[in-house]
Amino acid sequence: MDMDTNYSKYTETAELLKVLAHPVRLCIVNGLIENGGCNVSHMQECLNIPQSTVSQHLQKLKSAGVIEGKRNGLEMNYKVCDERVIAFIKNMLD
């Protein structure tokens, strides 16, 4: 079997895995998948960490295209929007 040495095609996947490679972010993504989405306040209560910390993790996930936010009045609801991530998390954590 020959190895594919065209590393450039693996760059996007490697970057995505780096973003997911944090326990809090994995927990957030898994929770969003299981609940179909939620807001920052709910995440903060579940995780028992400061809102600023939750927001920092959400920003990294959003920048990587893992999640998207939708405004509902004064609150922002987040959900996972990358089907590859949903499949990956379900395979890894179920």
PDB file of N, CA and C in Angstrom:
ATOM      1  N   MET A   1       0.839  -1.175   0.000  1.00  0.00           N
ATOM      2  CA  MET A   1       0.000   0.000   0.000  1.00  0.00           C
ATOM      3  C   MET A   1       0.890   1.247   0.000  1.00  0.00           C
ATOM      4  N   ASP A   2       0.636   2.153  -0.902  1.00  0.00           N
ATOM      5  CA  ASP A   2       1.388   3.402  -0.957  1.00  0.00           C
ATOM      6  C   ASP A   2       0.693   4.469  -0.126  1.00  0.00           C
ATOM      7  N   MET A   3       1.485   5.283   0.532  1.00  0.00           N
ATOM      8  CA  MET A   3       0.952   6.407   1.295  1.00  0.00           C
ATOM      9  C   MET A   3       0.808   7.612   0.384  1.00  0.00           C
ATOM     10  N   ASP A   4      -0.274   8.338   0.566  1.00  0.00           N
ATOM     11  CA  ASP A   4      -0.496   9.568  -0.194  1.00  0.00           C
ATOM     12  C   ASP A   4       0.290  10.678   0.499  1.00  0.00           C
ATOM     13  N   THR A   5       1.272  11.224  -0.174  1.00  0.00           N
ATOM     14  CA  THR A   5       2.102  12.258   0.442  1.00  0.00           C
ATOM     15  C   THR A   5       1.676  13.667   0.052  1.00  0.00           C
ATOM     16  N   ASN A   6       0.479  13.809  -0.490  1.00  0.00           N
ATOM     17  CA  ASN A   6      -0.060  15.129  -0.794  1.00  0.00           C
ATOM     18  C   ASN A   6      -0.701  15.674   0.487  1.00  0.00           C
ATOM     19  N   TYR A   7       0.137  16.188   1.379  1.00  0.00           N
ATOM     20  CA  TYR A   7      -0.322  16.615   2.697  1.00  0.00           C
ATOM     21  C   TYR A   7      -1.284  17.787   2.658  1.00  0.00           C
ATOM     22  N   SER A   8      -1.226  18.577   1.616  1.00  0.00           N
ATOM     23  CA  SER A   8      -2.064  19.780   1.567  1.00  0.00           C
ATOM     24  C   SER A   8      -3.546  19.439   1.653  1.00  0.00           C
ATOM     25  N   LYS A   9      -3.950  18.293   1.123  1.00  0.00           N
ATOM     26  CA  LYS A   9      -5.364  17.950   1.171  1.00  0.00           C
ATOM     27  C   LYS A   9      -5.813  17.556   2.582  1.00  0.00           C
ATOM     28  N   TYR A  10      -4.867  17.299   3.483  1.00  0.00           N
ATOM     29  CA  TYR A  10      -5.194  16.947   4.856  1.00  0.00           C
ATOM     30  C   TYR A  10      -5.208  18.164   5.784  1.00  0.00           C
ATOM     31  N   THR A  11      -4.786  19.304   5.276  1.00  0.00           N
ATOM     32  CA  THR A  11      -4.648  20.495   6.111  1.00  0.00           C
ATOM     33  C   THR A  11      -5.975  20.915   6.746  1.00  0.00           C
ATOM     34  N   GLU A  12      -7.036  20.972   5.955  1.00  0.00           N
ATOM     35  CA  GLU A  12      -8.339  21.398   6.481  1.00  0.00           C
ATOM     36  C   GLU A  12      -8.821  20.469   7.587  1.00  0.00           C
ATOM     37  N   THR A  13      -8.680  19.171   7.379  1.00  0.00           N
ATOM     38  CA  THR A  13      -9.098  18.207   8.399  1.00  0.00           C
ATOM     39  C   THR A  13      -8.255  18.335   9.654  1.00  0.00           C
ATOM     40  N   ALA A  14      -6.954  18.525   9.494  1.00  0.00           N
ATOM     41  CA  ALA A  14      -6.065  18.685  10.645  1.00  0.00           C
ATOM     42  C   ALA A  14      -6.442  19.926  11.450  1.00  0.00           C
ATOM     43  N   GLU A  15      -6.764  21.024  10.758  1.00  0.00           N
ATOM     44  CA  GLU A  15      -7.170  22.252  11.448  1.00  0.00           C
ATOM     45  C   GLU A  15      -8.479  22.044  12.209  1.00  0.00           C
ATOM     46  N   LEU A  16      -9.407  21.333  11.600  1.00  0.00           N
ATOM     47  CA  LEU A  16     -10.676  21.038  12.259  1.00  0.00           C
ATOM     48  C   LEU A  16     -10.454  20.193  13.508  1.00  0.00           C
ATOM     49  N   LEU A  17      -9.599  19.200  13.417  1.00  0.00           N
ATOM     50  CA  LEU A  17      -9.296  18.352  14.572  1.00  0.00           C
ATOM     51  C   LEU A  17      -8.618  19.146  15.682  1.00  0.00           C
ATOM     52  N   LYS A  18      -7.771  20.113  15.322  1.00  0.00           N
ATOM     53  CA  LYS A  18      -7.133  20.970  16.339  1.00  0.00           C
ATOM     54  C   LYS A  18      -8.178  21.756  17.114  1.00  0.00           C
ATOM     55  N   VAL A  19      -9.174  22.275  16.401  1.00  0.00           N
ATOM     56  CA  VAL A  19     -10.227  23.053  17.064  1.00  0.00           C
ATOM     57  C   VAL A  19     -11.020  22.161  18.021  1.00  0.00           C
ATOM     58  N   LEU A  20     -11.267  20.938  17.620  1.00  0.00           N
ATOM     59  CA  LEU A  20     -12.051  20.022  18.457  1.00  0.00           C
ATOM     60  C   LEU A  20     -11.237  19.423  19.600  1.00  0.00           C
ATOM     61  N   ALA A  21      -9.918  19.525  19.533  1.00  0.00           N
ATOM     62  CA  ALA A  21      -9.035  18.860  20.494  1.00  0.00           C
ATOM     63  C   ALA A  21      -8.920  19.604  21.815  1.00  0.00           C
ATOM     64  N   HIS A  22     -10.058  19.907  22.414  1.00  0.00           N
ATOM     65  CA  HIS A  22     -10.091  20.530  23.738  1.00  0.00           C
ATOM     66  C   HIS A  22     -11.309  19.961  24.460  1.00  0.00           C
ATOM     67  N   PRO A  23     -11.160  19.507  25.706  1.00  0.00           N
ATOM     68  CA  PRO A  23     -12.279  18.861  26.405  1.00  0.00           C
ATOM     69  C   PRO A  23     -13.543  19.728  26.480  1.00  0.00           C
ATOM     70  N   VAL A  24     -13.391  21.015  26.745  1.00  0.00           N
ATOM     71  CA  VAL A  24     -14.572  21.881  26.853  1.00  0.00           C
ATOM     72  C   VAL A  24     -15.253  22.021  25.498  1.00  0.00           C
ATOM     73  N   ARG A  25     -14.476  22.189  24.440  1.00  0.00           N
ATOM     74  CA  ARG A  25     -15.084  22.320  23.109  1.00  0.00           C
ATOM     75  C   ARG A  25     -15.754  21.023  22.681  1.00  0.00           C
ATOM     76  N   LEU A  26     -15.139  19.884  22.985  1.00  0.00           N
ATOM     77  CA  LEU A  26     -15.779  18.597  22.693  1.00  0.00           C
ATOM     78  C   LEU A  26     -17.095  18.477  23.447  1.00  0.00           C
ATOM     79  N   CYS A  27     -17.098  18.894  24.692  1.00  0.00           N
ATOM     80  CA  CYS A  27     -18.303  18.847  25.513  1.00  0.00           C
ATOM     81  C   CYS A  27     -19.390  19.761  24.929  1.00  0.00           C
ATOM     82  N   ILE A  28     -19.010  20.968  24.531  1.00  0.00           N
ATOM     83  CA  ILE A  28     -19.959  21.916  23.931  1.00  0.00           C
ATOM     84  C   ILE A  28     -20.550  21.323  22.659  1.00  0.00           C
ATOM     85  N   VAL A  29     -19.700  20.831  21.775  1.00  0.00           N
ATOM     86  CA  VAL A  29     -20.172  20.289  20.498  1.00  0.00           C
ATOM     87  C   VAL A  29     -21.078  19.082  20.735  1.00  0.00           C
ATOM     88  N   ASN A  30     -20.677  18.187  21.604  1.00  0.00           N
ATOM     89  CA  ASN A  30     -21.500  17.013  21.905  1.00  0.00           C
ATOM     90  C   ASN A  30     -22.855  17.428  22.473  1.00  0.00           C
ATOM     91  N   GLY A  31     -22.835  18.394  23.397  1.00  0.00           N
ATOM     92  CA  GLY A  31     -24.092  18.879  23.980  1.00  0.00           C
ATOM     93  C   GLY A  31     -24.996  19.527  22.952  1.00  0.00           C
ATOM     94  N   LEU A  32     -24.413  20.303  22.045  1.00  0.00           N
ATOM     95  CA  LEU A  32     -25.211  20.942  20.994  1.00  0.00           C
ATOM     96  C   LEU A  32     -25.829  19.896  20.072  1.00  0.00           C
ATOM     97  N   ILE A  33     -25.077  18.847  19.762  1.00  0.00           N
ATOM     98  CA  ILE A  33     -25.608  17.779  18.911  1.00  0.00           C
ATOM     99  C   ILE A  33     -26.758  17.065  19.625  1.00  0.00           C
ATOM    100  N   GLU A  34     -26.537  16.712  20.889  1.00  0.00           N
ATOM    101  CA  GLU A  34     -27.555  15.969  21.641  1.00  0.00           C
ATOM    102  C   GLU A  34     -28.828  16.787  21.855  1.00  0.00           C
ATOM    103  N   ASN A  35     -28.679  18.101  22.076  1.00  0.00           N
ATOM    104  CA  ASN A  35     -29.838  18.954  22.376  1.00  0.00           C
ATOM    105  C   ASN A  35     -30.394  19.676  21.157  1.00  0.00           C
ATOM    106  N   GLY A  36     -29.749  19.535  20.024  1.00  0.00           N
ATOM    107  CA  GLY A  36     -30.200  20.242  18.830  1.00  0.00           C
ATOM    108  C   GLY A  36     -29.893  21.725  18.874  1.00  0.00           C
ATOM    109  N   GLY A  37     -29.039  22.129  19.812  1.00  0.00           N
ATOM    110  CA  GLY A  37     -28.644  23.529  19.960  1.00  0.00           C
ATOM    111  C   GLY A  37     -29.065  24.086  21.309  1.00  0.00           C
ATOM    112  N   CYS A  38     -28.455  25.198  21.699  1.00  0.00           N
ATOM    113  CA  CYS A  38     -28.841  25.899  22.923  1.00  0.00           C
ATOM    114  C   CYS A  38     -28.125  27.241  22.990  1.00  0.00           C
ATOM    115  N   ASN A  39     -28.392  28.000  24.060  1.00  0.00           N
ATOM    116  CA  ASN A  39     -27.792  29.324  24.204  1.00  0.00           C
ATOM    117  C   ASN A  39     -26.618  29.297  25.183  1.00  0.00           C
ATOM    118  N   VAL A  40     -25.903  30.403  25.241  1.00  0.00           N
ATOM    119  CA  VAL A  40     -24.692  30.503  26.068  1.00  0.00           C
ATOM    120  C   VAL A  40     -25.006  30.313  27.550  1.00  0.00           C
ATOM    121  N   SER A  41     -26.093  30.898  28.028  1.00  0.00           N
ATOM    122  CA  SER A  41     -26.447  30.781  29.449  1.00  0.00           C
ATOM    123  C   SER A  41     -26.628  29.327  29.851  1.00  0.00           C
ATOM    124  N   HIS A  42     -27.310  28.577  29.009  1.00  0.00           N
ATOM    125  CA  HIS A  42     -27.530  27.157  29.302  1.00  0.00           C
ATOM    126  C   HIS A  42     -26.188  26.407  29.337  1.00  0.00           C
ATOM    127  N   MET A  43     -25.314  26.706  28.363  1.00  0.00           N
ATOM    128  CA  MET A  43     -24.000  26.054  28.332  1.00  0.00           C
ATOM    129  C   MET A  43     -23.192  26.398  29.574  1.00  0.00           C
ATOM    130  N   GLN A  44     -23.250  27.666  29.961  1.00  0.00           N
ATOM    131  CA  GLN A  44     -22.495  28.123  31.125  1.00  0.00           C
ATOM    132  C   GLN A  44     -22.948  27.377  32.379  1.00  0.00           C
ATOM    133  N   GLU A  45     -24.255  27.227  32.541  1.00  0.00           N
ATOM    134  CA  GLU A  45     -24.796  26.511  33.702  1.00  0.00           C
ATOM    135  C   GLU A  45     -24.374  25.048  33.687  1.00  0.00           C
ATOM    136  N   CYS A  46     -24.467  24.406  32.526  1.00  0.00           N
ATOM    137  CA  CYS A  46     -24.112  22.983  32.418  1.00  0.00           C
ATOM    138  C   CYS A  46     -22.630  22.744  32.666  1.00  0.00           C
ATOM    139  N   LEU A  47     -21.796  23.607  32.102  1.00  0.00           N
ATOM    140  CA  LEU A  47     -20.354  23.429  32.194  1.00  0.00           C
ATOM    141  C   LEU A  47     -19.765  23.973  33.490  1.00  0.00           C
ATOM    142  N   ASN A  48     -20.514  24.872  34.139  1.00  0.00           N
ATOM    143  CA  ASN A  48     -20.063  25.499  35.381  1.00  0.00           C
ATOM    144  C   ASN A  48     -18.735  26.233  35.201  1.00  0.00           C
ATOM    145  N   ILE A  49     -18.652  27.002  34.104  1.00  0.00           N
ATOM    146  CA  ILE A  49     -17.489  27.838  33.832  1.00  0.00           C
ATOM    147  C   ILE A  49     -17.987  29.239  33.477  1.00  0.00           C
ATOM    148  N   PRO A  50     -17.135  30.254  33.587  1.00  0.00           N
ATOM    149  CA  PRO A  50     -17.570  31.628  33.299  1.00  0.00           C
ATOM    150  C   PRO A  50     -18.067  31.799  31.861  1.00  0.00           C
ATOM    151  N   GLN A  51     -19.025  32.719  31.697  1.00  0.00           N
ATOM    152  CA  GLN A  51     -19.582  32.983  30.377  1.00  0.00           C
ATOM    153  C   GLN A  51     -18.503  33.415  29.395  1.00  0.00           C
ATOM    154  N   SER A  52     -17.515  34.186  29.872  1.00  0.00           N
ATOM    155  CA  SER A  52     -16.446  34.641  28.974  1.00  0.00           C
ATOM    156  C   SER A  52     -15.660  33.455  28.415  1.00  0.00           C
ATOM    157  N   THR A  53     -15.468  32.425  29.233  1.00  0.00           N
ATOM    158  CA  THR A  53     -14.750  31.231  28.779  1.00  0.00           C
ATOM    159  C   THR A  53     -15.579  30.473  27.745  1.00  0.00           C
ATOM    160  N   VAL A  54     -16.874  30.327  28.006  1.00  0.00           N
ATOM    161  CA  VAL A  54     -17.765  29.675  27.046  1.00  0.00           C
ATOM    162  C   VAL A  54     -17.723  30.439  25.727  1.00  0.00           C
ATOM    163  N   SER A  55     -17.804  31.763  25.797  1.00  0.00           N
ATOM    164  CA  SER A  55     -17.808  32.597  24.595  1.00  0.00           C
ATOM    165  C   SER A  55     -16.522  32.444  23.786  1.00  0.00           C
ATOM    166  N   GLN A  56     -15.381  32.337  24.473  1.00  0.00           N
ATOM    167  CA  GLN A  56     -14.105  32.141  23.777  1.00  0.00           C
ATOM    168  C   GLN A  56     -14.095  30.818  23.014  1.00  0.00           C
ATOM    169  N   HIS A  57     -14.589  29.773  23.648  1.00  0.00           N
ATOM    170  CA  HIS A  57     -14.644  28.472  22.980  1.00  0.00           C
ATOM    171  C   HIS A  57     -15.627  28.505  21.812  1.00  0.00           C
ATOM    172  N   LEU A  58     -16.759  29.159  22.002  1.00  0.00           N
ATOM    173  CA  LEU A  58     -17.738  29.272  20.923  1.00  0.00           C
ATOM    174  C   LEU A  58     -17.157  30.026  19.731  1.00  0.00           C
ATOM    175  N   GLN A  59     -16.387  31.066  20.004  1.00  0.00           N
ATOM    176  CA  GLN A  59     -15.786  31.843  18.920  1.00  0.00           C
ATOM    177  C   GLN A  59     -14.830  30.993  18.087  1.00  0.00           C
ATOM    178  N   LYS A  60     -14.042  30.144  18.757  1.00  0.00           N
ATOM    179  CA  LYS A  60     -13.126  29.264  18.021  1.00  0.00           C
ATOM    180  C   LYS A  60     -13.899  28.265  17.169  1.00  0.00           C
ATOM    181  N   LEU A  61     -14.966  27.718  17.722  1.00  0.00           N
ATOM    182  CA  LEU A  61     -15.784  26.759  16.979  1.00  0.00           C
ATOM    183  C   LEU A  61     -16.490  27.435  15.807  1.00  0.00           C
ATOM    184  N   LYS A  62     -16.947  28.658  16.040  1.00  0.00           N
ATOM    185  CA  LYS A  62     -17.638  29.408  14.984  1.00  0.00           C
ATOM    186  C   LYS A  62     -16.666  29.784  13.872  1.00  0.00           C
ATOM    187  N   SER A  63     -15.489  30.239  14.227  1.00  0.00           N
ATOM    188  CA  SER A  63     -14.469  30.619  13.236  1.00  0.00           C
ATOM    189  C   SER A  63     -14.068  29.439  12.353  1.00  0.00           C
ATOM    190  N   ALA A  64     -14.101  28.242  12.929  1.00  0.00           N
ATOM    191  CA  ALA A  64     -13.733  27.042  12.181  1.00  0.00           C
ATOM    192  C   ALA A  64     -14.902  26.489  11.370  1.00  0.00           C
ATOM    193  N   GLY A  65     -16.076  27.102  11.502  1.00  0.00           N
ATOM    194  CA  GLY A  65     -17.242  26.639  10.745  1.00  0.00           C
ATOM    195  C   GLY A  65     -17.919  25.420  11.335  1.00  0.00           C
ATOM    196  N   VAL A  66     -17.614  25.124  12.613  1.00  0.00           N
ATOM    197  CA  VAL A  66     -18.207  23.961  13.275  1.00  0.00           C
ATOM    198  C   VAL A  66     -19.629  24.270  13.727  1.00  0.00           C
ATOM    199  N   ILE A  67     -19.827  25.480  14.247  1.00  0.00           N
ATOM    200  CA  ILE A  67     -21.144  25.883  14.750  1.00  0.00           C
ATOM    201  C   ILE A  67     -21.590  27.168  14.064  1.00  0.00           C
ATOM    202  N   GLU A  68     -22.877  27.443  14.202  1.00  0.00           N
ATOM    203  CA  GLU A  68     -23.410  28.716  13.753  1.00  0.00           C
ATOM    204  C   GLU A  68     -24.378  29.213  14.813  1.00  0.00           C
ATOM    205  N   GLY A  69     -24.494  30.532  14.890  1.00  0.00           N
ATOM    206  CA  GLY A  69     -25.385  31.140  15.859  1.00  0.00           C
ATOM    207  C   GLY A  69     -26.551  31.809  15.168  1.00  0.00           C
ATOM    208  N   LYS A  70     -27.699  31.744  15.823  1.00  0.00           N
ATOM    209  CA  LYS A  70     -28.893  32.385  15.302  1.00  0.00           C
ATOM    210  C   LYS A  70     -29.517  33.191  16.430  1.00  0.00           C
ATOM    211  N   ARG A  71     -29.706  34.491  16.177  1.00  0.00           N
ATOM    212  CA  ARG A  71     -30.258  35.366  17.206  1.00  0.00           C
ATOM    213  C   ARG A  71     -31.741  35.094  17.375  1.00  0.00           C
ATOM    214  N   ASN A  72     -32.147  35.003  18.652  1.00  0.00           N
ATOM    215  CA  ASN A  72     -33.549  34.824  19.011  1.00  0.00           C
ATOM    216  C   ASN A  72     -33.856  35.854  20.090  1.00  0.00           C
ATOM    217  N   GLY A  73     -34.312  37.047  19.675  1.00  0.00           N
ATOM    218  CA  GLY A  73     -34.511  38.134  20.630  1.00  0.00           C
ATOM    219  C   GLY A  73     -33.168  38.607  21.142  1.00  0.00           C
ATOM    220  N   LEU A  74     -32.992  38.550  22.453  1.00  0.00           N
ATOM    221  CA  LEU A  74     -31.741  38.991  23.061  1.00  0.00           C
ATOM    222  C   LEU A  74     -30.700  37.885  23.163  1.00  0.00           C
ATOM    223  N   GLU A  75     -31.107  36.646  22.957  1.00  0.00           N
ATOM    224  CA  GLU A  75     -30.143  35.557  23.113  1.00  0.00           C
ATOM    225  C   GLU A  75     -29.715  34.978  21.768  1.00  0.00           C
ATOM    226  N   MET A  76     -28.558  34.340  21.816  1.00  0.00           N
ATOM    227  CA  MET A  76     -27.997  33.712  20.633  1.00  0.00           C
ATOM    228  C   MET A  76     -28.056  32.205  20.852  1.00  0.00           C
ATOM    229  N   ASN A  77     -28.667  31.504  19.926  1.00  0.00           N
ATOM    230  CA  ASN A  77     -28.724  30.043  19.997  1.00  0.00           C
ATOM    231  C   ASN A  77     -27.735  29.465  19.003  1.00  0.00           C
ATOM    232  N   TYR A  78     -26.973  28.481  19.465  1.00  0.00           N
ATOM    233  CA  TYR A  78     -25.940  27.870  18.640  1.00  0.00           C
ATOM    234  C   TYR A  78     -26.317  26.439  18.305  1.00  0.00           C
ATOM    235  N   LYS A  79     -25.868  26.001  17.121  1.00  0.00           N
ATOM    236  CA  LYS A  79     -26.033  24.607  16.728  1.00  0.00           C
ATOM    237  C   LYS A  79     -24.844  24.207  15.864  1.00  0.00           C
ATOM    238  N   VAL A  80     -24.588  22.911  15.816  1.00  0.00           N
ATOM    239  CA  VAL A  80     -23.506  22.384  14.991  1.00  0.00           C
ATOM    240  C   VAL A  80     -23.997  22.362  13.544  1.00  0.00           C
ATOM    241  N   CYS A  81     -23.193  22.921  12.651  1.00  0.00           N
ATOM    242  CA  CYS A  81     -23.605  23.037  11.246  1.00  0.00           C
ATOM    243  C   CYS A  81     -22.719  22.240  10.294  1.00  0.00           C
ATOM    244  N   ASP A  82     -21.731  21.535  10.814  1.00  0.00           N
ATOM    245  CA  ASP A  82     -20.824  20.750   9.976  1.00  0.00           C
ATOM    246  C   ASP A  82     -21.158  19.266  10.145  1.00  0.00           C
ATOM    247  N   GLU A  83     -21.701  18.674   9.097  1.00  0.00           N
ATOM    248  CA  GLU A  83     -22.118  17.267   9.156  1.00  0.00           C
ATOM    249  C   GLU A  83     -20.950  16.319   9.444  1.00  0.00           C
ATOM    250  N   ARG A  84     -19.752  16.671   8.989  1.00  0.00           N
ATOM    251  CA  ARG A  84     -18.572  15.830   9.266  1.00  0.00           C
ATOM    252  C   ARG A  84     -18.305  15.776  10.766  1.00  0.00           C
ATOM    253  N   VAL A  85     -18.469  16.924  11.423  1.00  0.00           N
ATOM    254  CA  VAL A  85     -18.235  16.985  12.869  1.00  0.00           C
ATOM    255  C   VAL A  85     -19.290  16.167  13.603  1.00  0.00           C
ATOM    256  N   ILE A  86     -20.537  16.279  13.165  1.00  0.00           N
ATOM    257  CA  ILE A  86     -21.605  15.500  13.805  1.00  0.00           C
ATOM    258  C   ILE A  86     -21.287  14.006  13.701  1.00  0.00           C
ATOM    259  N   ALA A  87     -20.913  13.548  12.517  1.00  0.00           N
ATOM    260  CA  ALA A  87     -20.583  12.131  12.330  1.00  0.00           C
ATOM    261  C   ALA A  87     -19.376  11.734  13.169  1.00  0.00           C
ATOM    262  N   PHE A  88     -18.356  12.582  13.190  1.00  0.00           N
ATOM    263  CA  PHE A  88     -17.133  12.304  13.943  1.00  0.00           C
ATOM    264  C   PHE A  88     -17.447  12.175  15.448  1.00  0.00           C
ATOM    265  N   ILE A  89     -18.180  13.139  15.989  1.00  0.00           N
ATOM    266  CA  ILE A  89     -18.499  13.139  17.425  1.00  0.00           C
ATOM    267  C   ILE A  89     -19.345  11.922  17.778  1.00  0.00           C
ATOM    268  N   LYS A  90     -20.323  11.628  16.952  1.00  0.00           N
ATOM    269  CA  LYS A  90     -21.183  10.457  17.226  1.00  0.00           C
ATOM    270  C   LYS A  90     -20.364   9.170  17.222  1.00  0.00           C
ATOM    271  N   ASN A  91     -19.416   9.058  16.301  1.00  0.00           N
ATOM    272  CA  ASN A  91     -18.568   7.867  16.251  1.00  0.00           C
ATOM    273  C   ASN A  91     -17.591   7.798  17.414  1.00  0.00           C
ATOM    274  N   MET A  92     -17.060   8.933  17.820  1.00  0.00           N
ATOM    275  CA  MET A  92     -16.038   8.949  18.860  1.00  0.00           C
ATOM    276  C   MET A  92     -16.623   8.873  20.277  1.00  0.00           C
ATOM    277  N   LEU A  93     -17.783   9.483  20.491  1.00  0.00           N
ATOM    278  CA  LEU A  93     -18.304   9.601  21.863  1.00  0.00           C
ATOM    279  C   LEU A  93     -19.494   8.711  22.181  1.00  0.00           C
ATOM    280  N   ASP A  94     -20.034   8.031  21.201  1.00  0.00           N
ATOM    281  CA  ASP A  94     -21.169   7.131  21.494  1.00  0.00           C
ATOM    282  C   ASP A  94     -20.693   5.772  21.916  1.00  0.00           C
TER     283      ASP A  94
END
